[in-house]
Amino acid sequence: MRSAGACLAVAMVLLARPMGPAFAQIDSREGIALQNQIYQLRQDLRSLQDQIARGGGAPARAPAYAPAPAASGDLVAQLLTRVDSLEEQVRQLRGRIDETQNQVQRQGADVNKRIDDLAFQISPRRGAGSAPPASAEPAPYRDTPPAPPEKPPAPVKRTPELALQEGNAALARRDYTAAEASAREVLANRTSPRAYDAQLLLAQSLSGQKQYAQAAIAYDDAYNRSRKGIHAQDALLGLANALAAINEKKASCDTLNRLRGDFPALRPDIRDGVAAASQRAACR
């Protein structure tokens, strides 16, 4: 059996060491009572240590929880046993506290998730405004059925004349994309009496967008629609300029010669345009 001095030293070390995680943050009545008992044991051990240091036997006052031992070694052994028992009780109490806290956290997380799910399910219906509130009263009964909803008025279709008017206005302000759209709108109806005008407008809008290859085709189509029409001179001059722009200079000069041959009396604006086109194509 260990000596009384050695046992007392071990007991003092156990009681004097810092309280570990198992002892921290214990606020229950049971935990407070255990801490009080440990404190009382420390006081008793200090008293026993002083008694032994003076050469005496048992302490002047025995602990309240146990009868006075016959010898100092027996008292130290009892104190060590009691300390171990108290430490085990504190560990168990701390374990129950941790388990309760974890359970509360899990329940809180589950509640928050359910609230989020419910808010997600409700918000689309509220945003759409289609679902009435649960406490809303039913609509009163009516003898006559409700009138059917009115159909929205059909969009007014533009006439070819209006489309061409807007297209030429767009061409004048150099909005070539809008001019092209108006021209194609009229040309969508192949039997439209204004298709000839729309064909020239399409060629001019493509030339304005510097799409010269497509413009040359459009000008040629406009000329072939009516070779003696009011737009024939404009179509041939536009074709010559578009061919020169794509470096087809010989074809451009041939087109200008055709224009002079078919229309000996050129309009003044066309005459000036032919001279400028001949210079750009370097016609002889």
C-alpha atoms as a PDB file:
ATOM      1  CA  MET A   1       0.000   0.000   0.000  1.00  0.00           C
ATOM      2  CA  ARG A   2       1.331   3.455  -0.924  1.00  0.00           C
ATOM      3  CA  SER A   3       2.552   5.665   1.940  1.00  0.00           C
ATOM      4  CA  ALA A   4       0.366   8.436   3.333  1.00  0.00           C
ATOM      5  CA  GLY A   5       2.723  11.126   2.015  1.00  0.00           C
ATOM      6  CA  ALA A   6       2.756   9.677  -1.506  1.00  0.00           C
ATOM      7  CA  CYS A   7      -1.029   9.241  -1.556  1.00  0.00           C
ATOM      8  CA  LEU A   8      -1.483  12.765  -0.290  1.00  0.00           C
ATOM      9  CA  ALA A   9       0.817  14.119  -3.024  1.00  0.00           C
ATOM     10  CA  VAL A  10      -1.153  12.263  -5.724  1.00  0.00           C
ATOM     11  CA  ALA A  11      -4.431  13.571  -4.316  1.00  0.00           C
ATOM     12  CA  MET A  12      -3.149  17.120  -4.277  1.00  0.00           C
ATOM     13  CA  VAL A  13      -1.989  16.810  -7.891  1.00  0.00           C
ATOM     14  CA  LEU A  14      -5.400  15.508  -8.980  1.00  0.00           C
ATOM     15  CA  LEU A  15      -7.316  18.220  -7.188  1.00  0.00           C
ATOM     16  CA  ALA A  16      -4.947  21.013  -8.065  1.00  0.00           C
ATOM     17  CA  ARG A  17      -4.793  20.306 -11.854  1.00  0.00           C
ATOM     18  CA  PRO A  18      -6.816  22.618 -14.099  1.00  0.00           C
ATOM     19  CA  MET A  19     -10.361  21.598 -14.916  1.00  0.00           C
ATOM     20  CA  GLY A  20     -10.542  20.080 -18.408  1.00  0.00           C
ATOM     21  CA  PRO A  21     -13.223  20.396 -21.038  1.00  0.00           C
ATOM     22  CA  ALA A  22     -15.471  18.008 -19.095  1.00  0.00           C
ATOM     23  CA  PHE A  23     -15.640  20.530 -16.217  1.00  0.00           C
ATOM     24  CA  ALA A  24     -16.173  23.672 -18.286  1.00  0.00           C
ATOM     25  CA  GLN A  25     -19.454  25.556 -18.527  1.00  0.00           C
ATOM     26  CA  ILE A  26     -21.513  23.416 -16.118  1.00  0.00           C
ATOM     27  CA  ASP A  27     -24.374  25.538 -14.887  1.00  0.00           C
ATOM     28  CA  SER A  28     -26.815  22.900 -13.663  1.00  0.00           C
ATOM     29  CA  ARG A  29     -27.494  22.268  -9.994  1.00  0.00           C
ATOM     30  CA  GLU A  30     -25.887  18.837 -10.171  1.00  0.00           C
ATOM     31  CA  GLY A  31     -22.694  20.277 -11.664  1.00  0.00           C
ATOM     32  CA  ILE A  32     -22.515  23.056  -9.076  1.00  0.00           C
ATOM     33  CA  ALA A  33     -22.931  20.522  -6.256  1.00  0.00           C
ATOM     34  CA  LEU A  34     -20.092  18.408  -7.658  1.00  0.00           C
ATOM     35  CA  GLN A  35     -17.823  21.412  -7.866  1.00  0.00           C
ATOM     36  CA  ASN A  36     -18.608  22.284  -4.252  1.00  0.00           C
ATOM     37  CA  GLN A  37     -17.699  18.767  -3.151  1.00  0.00           C
ATOM     38  CA  ILE A  38     -14.399  18.930  -5.027  1.00  0.00           C
ATOM     39  CA  TYR A  39     -13.670  22.265  -3.378  1.00  0.00           C
ATOM     40  CA  GLN A  40     -14.378  20.721   0.052  1.00  0.00           C
ATOM     41  CA  LEU A  41     -12.024  17.828  -0.737  1.00  0.00           C
ATOM     42  CA  ARG A  42      -9.265  20.296  -1.584  1.00  0.00           C
ATOM     43  CA  GLN A  43      -9.747  22.013   1.738  1.00  0.00           C
ATOM     44  CA  ASP A  44      -9.604  18.671   3.591  1.00  0.00           C
ATOM     45  CA  LEU A  45      -6.443  17.632   1.729  1.00  0.00           C
ATOM     46  CA  ARG A  46      -4.738  20.908   2.566  1.00  0.00           C
ATOM     47  CA  SER A  47      -5.660  20.397   6.222  1.00  0.00           C
ATOM     48  CA  LEU A  48      -4.312  16.823   6.139  1.00  0.00           C
ATOM     49  CA  GLN A  49      -1.119  17.985   4.472  1.00  0.00           C
ATOM     50  CA  ASP A  50      -0.560  20.570   7.200  1.00  0.00           C
ATOM     51  CA  GLN A  51      -1.221  17.928   9.887  1.00  0.00           C
ATOM     52  CA  ILE A  52       1.341  15.547   8.391  1.00  0.00           C
ATOM     53  CA  ALA A  53       3.881  18.337   7.993  1.00  0.00           C
ATOM     54  CA  ARG A  54       3.585  19.052  11.740  1.00  0.00           C
ATOM     55  CA  GLY A  55       4.104  15.350  12.475  1.00  0.00           C
ATOM     56  CA  GLY A  56       0.504  14.677  13.532  1.00  0.00           C
ATOM     57  CA  GLY A  57      -1.917  11.981  12.476  1.00  0.00           C
ATOM     58  CA  ALA A  58      -5.467  12.514  11.309  1.00  0.00           C
ATOM     59  CA  PRO A  59      -6.761  16.050  10.718  1.00  0.00           C
ATOM     60  CA  ALA A  60      -8.553  17.888  13.481  1.00  0.00           C
ATOM     61  CA  ARG A  61     -11.799  17.831  11.413  1.00  0.00           C
ATOM     62  CA  ALA A  62     -12.999  14.853   9.442  1.00  0.00           C
ATOM     63  CA  PRO A  63     -14.820  15.397   6.152  1.00  0.00           C
ATOM     64  CA  ALA A  64     -18.582  15.692   6.489  1.00  0.00           C
ATOM     65  CA  TYR A  65     -19.272  12.950   3.987  1.00  0.00           C
ATOM     66  CA  ALA A  66     -17.169  10.204   5.677  1.00  0.00           C
ATOM     67  CA  PRO A  67     -16.234   9.130   9.222  1.00  0.00           C
ATOM     68  CA  ALA A  68     -12.784  10.004  10.563  1.00  0.00           C
ATOM     69  CA  PRO A  69     -10.246   7.325   9.484  1.00  0.00           C
ATOM     70  CA  ALA A  70      -7.905   5.619  11.904  1.00  0.00           C
ATOM     71  CA  ALA A  71      -4.810   6.614   9.917  1.00  0.00           C
ATOM     72  CA  SER A  72      -3.713   9.287   7.473  1.00  0.00           C
ATOM     73  CA  GLY A  73      -3.134   6.762   4.663  1.00  0.00           C
ATOM     74  CA  ASP A  74      -6.708   5.467   4.880  1.00  0.00           C
ATOM     75  CA  LEU A  75      -8.063   9.009   4.740  1.00  0.00           C
ATOM     76  CA  VAL A  76      -5.998   9.850   1.640  1.00  0.00           C
ATOM     77  CA  ALA A  77      -7.147   6.662  -0.081  1.00  0.00           C
ATOM     78  CA  GLN A  78     -10.754   7.523   0.607  1.00  0.00           C
ATOM     79  CA  LEU A  79     -10.248  11.021  -0.697  1.00  0.00           C
ATOM     80  CA  LEU A  80      -8.674   9.741  -3.925  1.00  0.00           C
ATOM     81  CA  THR A  81     -11.571   7.345  -4.462  1.00  0.00           C
ATOM     82  CA  ARG A  82     -14.049  10.133  -3.893  1.00  0.00           C
ATOM     83  CA  VAL A  83     -12.227  12.430  -6.327  1.00  0.00           C
ATOM     84  CA  ASP A  84     -12.290   9.769  -9.050  1.00  0.00           C
ATOM     85  CA  SER A  85     -15.995   9.232  -8.477  1.00  0.00           C
ATOM     86  CA  LEU A  86     -16.743  12.940  -8.688  1.00  0.00           C
ATOM     87  CA  GLU A  87     -14.737  13.316 -11.883  1.00  0.00           C
ATOM     88  CA  GLU A  88     -16.664  10.459 -13.501  1.00  0.00           C
ATOM     89  CA  GLN A  89     -19.980  12.048 -12.533  1.00  0.00           C
ATOM     90  CA  VAL A  90     -18.892  15.365 -14.021  1.00  0.00           C
ATOM     91  CA  ARG A  91     -17.874  13.627 -17.277  1.00  0.00           C
ATOM     92  CA  GLN A  92     -21.278  11.946 -17.525  1.00  0.00           C
ATOM     93  CA  LEU A  93     -23.042  15.236 -16.841  1.00  0.00           C
ATOM     94  CA  ARG A  94     -21.015  16.994 -19.491  1.00  0.00           C
ATOM     95  CA  GLY A  95     -21.815  14.238 -21.994  1.00  0.00           C
ATOM     96  CA  ARG A  96     -25.542  14.652 -21.371  1.00  0.00           C
ATOM     97  CA  ILE A  97     -25.229  18.420 -21.823  1.00  0.00           C
ATOM     98  CA  ASP A  98     -23.379  18.014 -25.147  1.00  0.00           C
ATOM     99  CA  GLU A  99     -25.953  15.518 -26.395  1.00  0.00           C
ATOM    100  CA  THR A 100     -28.804  17.882 -25.503  1.00  0.00           C
ATOM    101  CA  GLN A 101     -27.112  20.805 -27.266  1.00  0.00           C
ATOM    102  CA  ASN A 102     -26.553  18.743 -30.413  1.00  0.00           C
ATOM    103  CA  GLN A 103     -30.171  17.657 -30.423  1.00  0.00           C
ATOM    104  CA  VAL A 104     -31.352  21.266 -30.085  1.00  0.00           C
ATOM    105  CA  GLN A 105     -29.099  22.336 -32.958  1.00  0.00           C
ATOM    106  CA  ARG A 106     -30.413  19.551 -35.200  1.00  0.00           C
ATOM    107  CA  GLN A 107     -33.995  20.454 -34.406  1.00  0.00           C
ATOM    108  CA  GLY A 108     -33.302  24.134 -35.108  1.00  0.00           C
ATOM    109  CA  ALA A 109     -31.695  23.328 -38.466  1.00  0.00           C
ATOM    110  CA  ASP A 110     -34.646  21.117 -39.416  1.00  0.00           C
ATOM    111  CA  VAL A 111     -37.130  23.858 -38.526  1.00  0.00           C
ATOM    112  CA  ASN A 112     -35.213  26.449 -40.559  1.00  0.00           C
ATOM    113  CA  LYS A 113     -35.150  24.140 -43.568  1.00  0.00           C
ATOM    114  CA  ARG A 114     -38.886  23.558 -43.388  1.00  0.00           C
ATOM    115  CA  ILE A 115     -39.523  27.288 -43.163  1.00  0.00           C
ATOM    116  CA  ASP A 116     -37.354  27.919 -46.238  1.00  0.00           C
ATOM    117  CA  ASP A 117     -39.147  25.175 -48.191  1.00  0.00           C
ATOM    118  CA  LEU A 118     -42.517  26.593 -47.250  1.00  0.00           C
ATOM    119  CA  ALA A 119     -41.511  30.107 -48.273  1.00  0.00           C
ATOM    120  CA  PHE A 120     -40.274  28.790 -51.621  1.00  0.00           C
ATOM    121  CA  GLN A 121     -43.558  26.995 -52.270  1.00  0.00           C
ATOM    122  CA  ILE A 122     -45.694  29.979 -51.321  1.00  0.00           C
ATOM    123  CA  SER A 123     -43.777  32.778 -53.036  1.00  0.00           C
ATOM    124  CA  PRO A 124     -44.527  31.782 -56.693  1.00  0.00           C
ATOM    125  CA  ARG A 125     -48.255  31.648 -55.987  1.00  0.00           C
ATOM    126  CA  ARG A 126     -48.146  35.020 -54.295  1.00  0.00           C
ATOM    127  CA  GLY A 127     -46.130  36.517 -57.112  1.00  0.00           C
ATOM    128  CA  ALA A 128     -48.538  35.239 -59.767  1.00  0.00           C
ATOM    129  CA  GLY A 129     -51.517  36.543 -57.849  1.00  0.00           C
ATOM    130  CA  SER A 130     -53.644  33.631 -59.049  1.00  0.00           C
ATOM    131  CA  ALA A 131     -54.262  31.832 -55.767  1.00  0.00           C
ATOM    132  CA  PRO A 132     -56.789  33.539 -53.458  1.00  0.00           C
ATOM    133  CA  PRO A 133     -56.105  33.643 -49.710  1.00  0.00           C
ATOM    134  CA  ALA A 134     -57.348  30.697 -47.696  1.00  0.00           C
ATOM    135  CA  SER A 135     -59.851  32.842 -45.811  1.00  0.00           C
ATOM    136  CA  ALA A 136     -61.332  34.415 -48.959  1.00  0.00           C
ATOM    137  CA  GLU A 137     -65.088  33.997 -49.276  1.00  0.00           C
ATOM    138  CA  PRO A 138     -66.458  32.173 -52.347  1.00  0.00           C
ATOM    139  CA  ALA A 139     -67.785  34.286 -55.183  1.00  0.00           C
ATOM    140  CA  PRO A 140     -71.550  34.875 -55.017  1.00  0.00           C
ATOM    141  CA  TYR A 141     -73.691  32.814 -57.298  1.00  0.00           C
ATOM    142  CA  ARG A 142     -74.930  34.587 -60.407  1.00  0.00           C
ATOM    143  CA  ASP A 143     -77.861  33.556 -62.566  1.00  0.00           C
ATOM    144  CA  THR A 144     -76.296  34.786 -65.807  1.00  0.00           C
ATOM    145  CA  PRO A 145     -72.960  33.421 -67.013  1.00  0.00           C
ATOM    146  CA  PRO A 146     -70.080  35.904 -67.185  1.00  0.00           C
ATOM    147  CA  ALA A 147     -69.464  37.585 -70.491  1.00  0.00           C
ATOM    148  CA  PRO A 148     -66.613  36.094 -72.509  1.00  0.00           C
ATOM    149  CA  PRO A 149     -63.418  38.136 -72.551  1.00  0.00           C
ATOM    150  CA  GLU A 150     -63.088  40.505 -75.445  1.00  0.00           C
ATOM    151  CA  LYS A 151     -60.617  39.535 -78.100  1.00  0.00           C
ATOM    152  CA  PRO A 152     -57.781  41.963 -78.620  1.00  0.00           C
ATOM    153  CA  PRO A 153     -58.085  43.915 -81.834  1.00  0.00           C
ATOM    154  CA  ALA A 154     -56.183  42.472 -84.736  1.00  0.00           C
ATOM    155  CA  PRO A 155     -53.085  44.438 -85.701  1.00  0.00           C
ATOM    156  CA  VAL A 156     -53.623  46.825 -88.555  1.00  0.00           C
ATOM    157  CA  LYS A 157     -51.755  45.601 -91.596  1.00  0.00           C
ATOM    158  CA  ARG A 158     -49.813  48.262 -93.429  1.00  0.00           C
ATOM    159  CA  THR A 159     -50.680  48.894 -97.011  1.00  0.00           C
ATOM    160  CA  PRO A 160     -47.910  48.649 -99.642  1.00  0.00           C
ATOM    161  CA  GLU A 161     -48.184  52.390-100.175  1.00  0.00           C
ATOM    162  CA  LEU A 162     -47.607  53.112 -96.492  1.00  0.00           C
ATOM    163  CA  ALA A 163     -44.705  50.648 -96.328  1.00  0.00           C
ATOM    164  CA  LEU A 164     -43.036  52.276 -99.336  1.00  0.00           C
ATOM    165  CA  GLN A 165     -43.610  55.751 -97.947  1.00  0.00           C
ATOM    166  CA  GLU A 166     -41.909  54.803 -94.684  1.00  0.00           C
ATOM    167  CA  GLY A 167     -39.153  52.956 -96.539  1.00  0.00           C
ATOM    168  CA  ASN A 168     -38.275  55.936 -98.747  1.00  0.00           C
ATOM    169  CA  ALA A 169     -38.283  58.191 -95.677  1.00  0.00           C
ATOM    170  CA  ALA A 170     -35.855  55.811 -93.970  1.00  0.00           C
ATOM    171  CA  LEU A 171     -33.661  55.790 -97.092  1.00  0.00           C
ATOM    172  CA  ALA A 172     -33.578  59.594 -97.093  1.00  0.00           C
ATOM    173  CA  ARG A 173     -32.323  59.662 -93.497  1.00  0.00           C
ATOM    174  CA  ARG A 174     -29.846  56.868 -94.307  1.00  0.00           C
ATOM    175  CA  ASP A 175     -31.578  54.284 -92.158  1.00  0.00           C
ATOM    176  CA  TYR A 176     -30.804  51.590 -94.706  1.00  0.00           C
ATOM    177  CA  THR A 177     -31.838  48.679 -92.485  1.00  0.00           C
ATOM    178  CA  ALA A 178     -35.352  50.066 -92.015  1.00  0.00           C
ATOM    179  CA  ALA A 179     -35.593  50.837 -95.715  1.00  0.00           C
ATOM    180  CA  GLU A 180     -34.646  47.248 -96.584  1.00  0.00           C
ATOM    181  CA  ALA A 181     -37.288  45.904 -94.163  1.00  0.00           C
ATOM    182  CA  SER A 182     -40.018  48.017 -95.776  1.00  0.00           C
ATOM    183  CA  ALA A 183     -38.987  46.902 -99.247  1.00  0.00           C
ATOM    184  CA  ARG A 184     -39.023  43.226 -98.357  1.00  0.00           C
ATOM    185  CA  GLU A 185     -42.407  43.652 -96.680  1.00  0.00           C
ATOM    186  CA  VAL A 186     -43.900  44.753 -99.989  1.00  0.00           C
ATOM    187  CA  LEU A 187     -41.994  42.150-102.018  1.00  0.00           C
ATOM    188  CA  ALA A 188     -43.349  39.392 -99.790  1.00  0.00           C
ATOM    189  CA  ASN A 189     -46.525  39.651-101.871  1.00  0.00           C
ATOM    190  CA  ARG A 190     -45.315  38.801-105.370  1.00  0.00           C
ATOM    191  CA  THR A 191     -48.525  40.005-106.956  1.00  0.00           C
ATOM    192  CA  SER A 192     -48.352  43.418-105.282  1.00  0.00           C
ATOM    193  CA  PRO A 193     -48.716  46.257-107.794  1.00  0.00           C
ATOM    194  CA  ARG A 194     -45.975  48.147-105.920  1.00  0.00           C
ATOM    195  CA  ALA A 195     -43.395  45.350-106.214  1.00  0.00           C
ATOM    196  CA  TYR A 196     -41.551  47.265-108.952  1.00  0.00           C
ATOM    197  CA  ASP A 197     -41.049  50.263-106.665  1.00  0.00           C
ATOM    198  CA  ALA A 198     -40.093  48.011-103.777  1.00  0.00           C
ATOM    199  CA  GLN A 199     -37.440  46.259-105.881  1.00  0.00           C
ATOM    200  CA  LEU A 200     -35.611  49.511-106.559  1.00  0.00           C
ATOM    201  CA  LEU A 201     -35.910  50.503-102.887  1.00  0.00           C
ATOM    202  CA  LEU A 202     -34.371  47.165-101.900  1.00  0.00           C
ATOM    203  CA  ALA A 203     -31.432  47.678-104.293  1.00  0.00           C
ATOM    204  CA  GLN A 204     -30.800  51.190-102.980  1.00  0.00           C
ATOM    205  CA  SER A 205     -30.933  50.076 -99.322  1.00  0.00           C
ATOM    206  CA  LEU A 206     -28.456  47.239 -99.970  1.00  0.00           C
ATOM    207  CA  SER A 207     -26.112  49.617-101.761  1.00  0.00           C
ATOM    208  CA  GLY A 208     -26.340  52.003 -98.814  1.00  0.00           C
ATOM    209  CA  GLN A 209     -25.248  49.116 -96.549  1.00  0.00           C
ATOM    210  CA  LYS A 210     -22.302  48.502 -98.927  1.00  0.00           C
ATOM    211  CA  GLN A 211     -23.594  45.046 -99.787  1.00  0.00           C
ATOM    212  CA  TYR A 212     -22.653  45.692-103.408  1.00  0.00           C
ATOM    213  CA  ALA A 213     -22.908  42.152-104.744  1.00  0.00           C
ATOM    214  CA  GLN A 214     -26.486  41.768-103.468  1.00  0.00           C
ATOM    215  CA  ALA A 215     -27.269  45.297-104.598  1.00  0.00           C
ATOM    216  CA  ALA A 216     -26.121  44.497-108.157  1.00  0.00           C
ATOM    217  CA  ILE A 217     -28.533  41.571-108.289  1.00  0.00           C
ATOM    218  CA  ALA A 218     -31.364  43.694-106.903  1.00  0.00           C
ATOM    219  CA  TYR A 219     -30.726  46.480-109.449  1.00  0.00           C
ATOM    220  CA  ASP A 220     -30.669  43.945-112.289  1.00  0.00           C
ATOM    221  CA  ASP A 221     -33.999  42.501-111.091  1.00  0.00           C
ATOM    222  CA  ALA A 222     -35.502  45.994-110.937  1.00  0.00           C
ATOM    223  CA  TYR A 223     -34.361  46.695-114.526  1.00  0.00           C
ATOM    224  CA  ASN A 224     -35.698  43.378-115.832  1.00  0.00           C
ATOM    225  CA  ARG A 225     -39.107  43.976-114.206  1.00  0.00           C
ATOM    226  CA  SER A 226     -39.653  46.879-116.567  1.00  0.00           C
ATOM    227  CA  ARG A 227     -36.862  47.789-119.004  1.00  0.00           C
ATOM    228  CA  LYS A 228     -38.671  50.898-120.123  1.00  0.00           C
ATOM    229  CA  GLY A 229     -40.274  51.713-116.757  1.00  0.00           C
ATOM    230  CA  ILE A 230     -39.846  54.841-114.719  1.00  0.00           C
ATOM    231  CA  HIS A 231     -37.040  53.225-112.678  1.00  0.00           C
ATOM    232  CA  ALA A 232     -35.108  51.695-115.585  1.00  0.00           C
ATOM    233  CA  GLN A 233     -32.487  54.476-115.785  1.00  0.00           C
ATOM    234  CA  ASP A 234     -31.987  54.422-112.010  1.00  0.00           C
ATOM    235  CA  ALA A 235     -31.667  50.632-112.048  1.00  0.00           C
ATOM    236  CA  LEU A 236     -28.976  50.604-114.781  1.00  0.00           C
ATOM    237  CA  LEU A 237     -26.989  53.402-113.188  1.00  0.00           C
ATOM    238  CA  GLY A 238     -27.175  51.666-109.788  1.00  0.00           C
ATOM    239  CA  LEU A 239     -26.106  48.386-111.404  1.00  0.00           C
ATOM    240  CA  ALA A 240     -23.077  50.065-113.012  1.00  0.00           C
ATOM    241  CA  ASN A 241     -21.986  51.612-109.692  1.00  0.00           C
ATOM    242  CA  ALA A 242     -22.424  48.316-107.818  1.00  0.00           C
ATOM    243  CA  LEU A 243     -20.359  46.423-110.425  1.00  0.00           C
ATOM    244  CA  ALA A 244     -17.583  49.006-110.188  1.00  0.00           C
ATOM    245  CA  ALA A 245     -17.588  48.664-106.404  1.00  0.00           C
ATOM    246  CA  ILE A 246     -16.895  44.926-106.669  1.00  0.00           C
ATOM    247  CA  ASN A 247     -14.140  45.624-109.229  1.00  0.00           C
ATOM    248  CA  GLU A 248     -16.163  44.436-112.233  1.00  0.00           C
ATOM    249  CA  LYS A 249     -15.167  47.498-114.217  1.00  0.00           C
ATOM    250  CA  LYS A 250     -15.686  46.086-117.712  1.00  0.00           C
ATOM    251  CA  ALA A 251     -19.195  44.973-116.823  1.00  0.00           C
ATOM    252  CA  SER A 252     -19.802  48.383-115.284  1.00  0.00           C
ATOM    253  CA  CYS A 253     -18.763  50.148-118.506  1.00  0.00           C
ATOM    254  CA  ASP A 254     -20.937  47.821-120.597  1.00  0.00           C
ATOM    255  CA  THR A 255     -23.908  48.662-118.393  1.00  0.00           C
ATOM    256  CA  LEU A 256     -23.308  52.372-118.850  1.00  0.00           C
ATOM    257  CA  ASN A 257     -23.152  51.877-122.634  1.00  0.00           C
ATOM    258  CA  ARG A 258     -26.478  50.040-122.510  1.00  0.00           C
ATOM    259  CA  LEU A 259     -27.947  52.893-120.502  1.00  0.00           C
ATOM    260  CA  ARG A 260     -26.865  55.435-123.134  1.00  0.00           C
ATOM    261  CA  GLY A 261     -28.110  53.234-125.954  1.00  0.00           C
ATOM    262  CA  ASP A 262     -31.539  52.500-124.447  1.00  0.00           C
ATOM    263  CA  PHE A 263     -32.095  56.060-123.252  1.00  0.00           C
ATOM    264  CA  PRO A 264     -30.478  58.606-125.564  1.00  0.00           C
ATOM    265  CA  ALA A 265     -32.246  61.413-123.686  1.00  0.00           C
ATOM    266  CA  LEU A 266     -31.006  60.824-120.145  1.00  0.00           C
ATOM    267  CA  ARG A 267     -32.475  62.677-117.233  1.00  0.00           C
ATOM    268  CA  PRO A 268     -30.168  65.439-116.003  1.00  0.00           C
ATOM    269  CA  ASP A 269     -29.489  63.743-112.658  1.00  0.00           C
ATOM    270  CA  ILE A 270     -28.792  60.456-114.434  1.00  0.00           C
ATOM    271  CA  ARG A 271     -26.462  62.190-116.927  1.00  0.00           C
ATOM    272  CA  ASP A 272     -24.307  63.510-114.092  1.00  0.00           C
ATOM    273  CA  GLY A 273     -24.290  60.094-112.426  1.00  0.00           C
ATOM    274  CA  VAL A 274     -23.191  58.362-115.650  1.00  0.00           C
ATOM    275  CA  ALA A 275     -20.199  60.704-115.966  1.00  0.00           C
ATOM    276  CA  ALA A 276     -19.098  60.012-112.395  1.00  0.00           C
ATOM    277  CA  ALA A 277     -19.583  56.248-112.806  1.00  0.00           C
ATOM    278  CA  SER A 278     -17.546  56.223-116.066  1.00  0.00           C
ATOM    279  CA  GLN A 279     -14.694  57.941-114.284  1.00  0.00           C
ATOM    280  CA  ARG A 280     -14.746  55.475-111.376  1.00  0.00           C
ATOM    281  CA  ALA A 281     -14.782  52.478-113.714  1.00  0.00           C
ATOM    282  CA  ALA A 282     -12.107  54.065-115.945  1.00  0.00           C
ATOM    283  CA  CYS A 283     -14.265  53.565-119.015  1.00  0.00           C
ATOM    284  CA  ARG A 284     -12.792  54.566-122.377  1.00  0.00           C
END
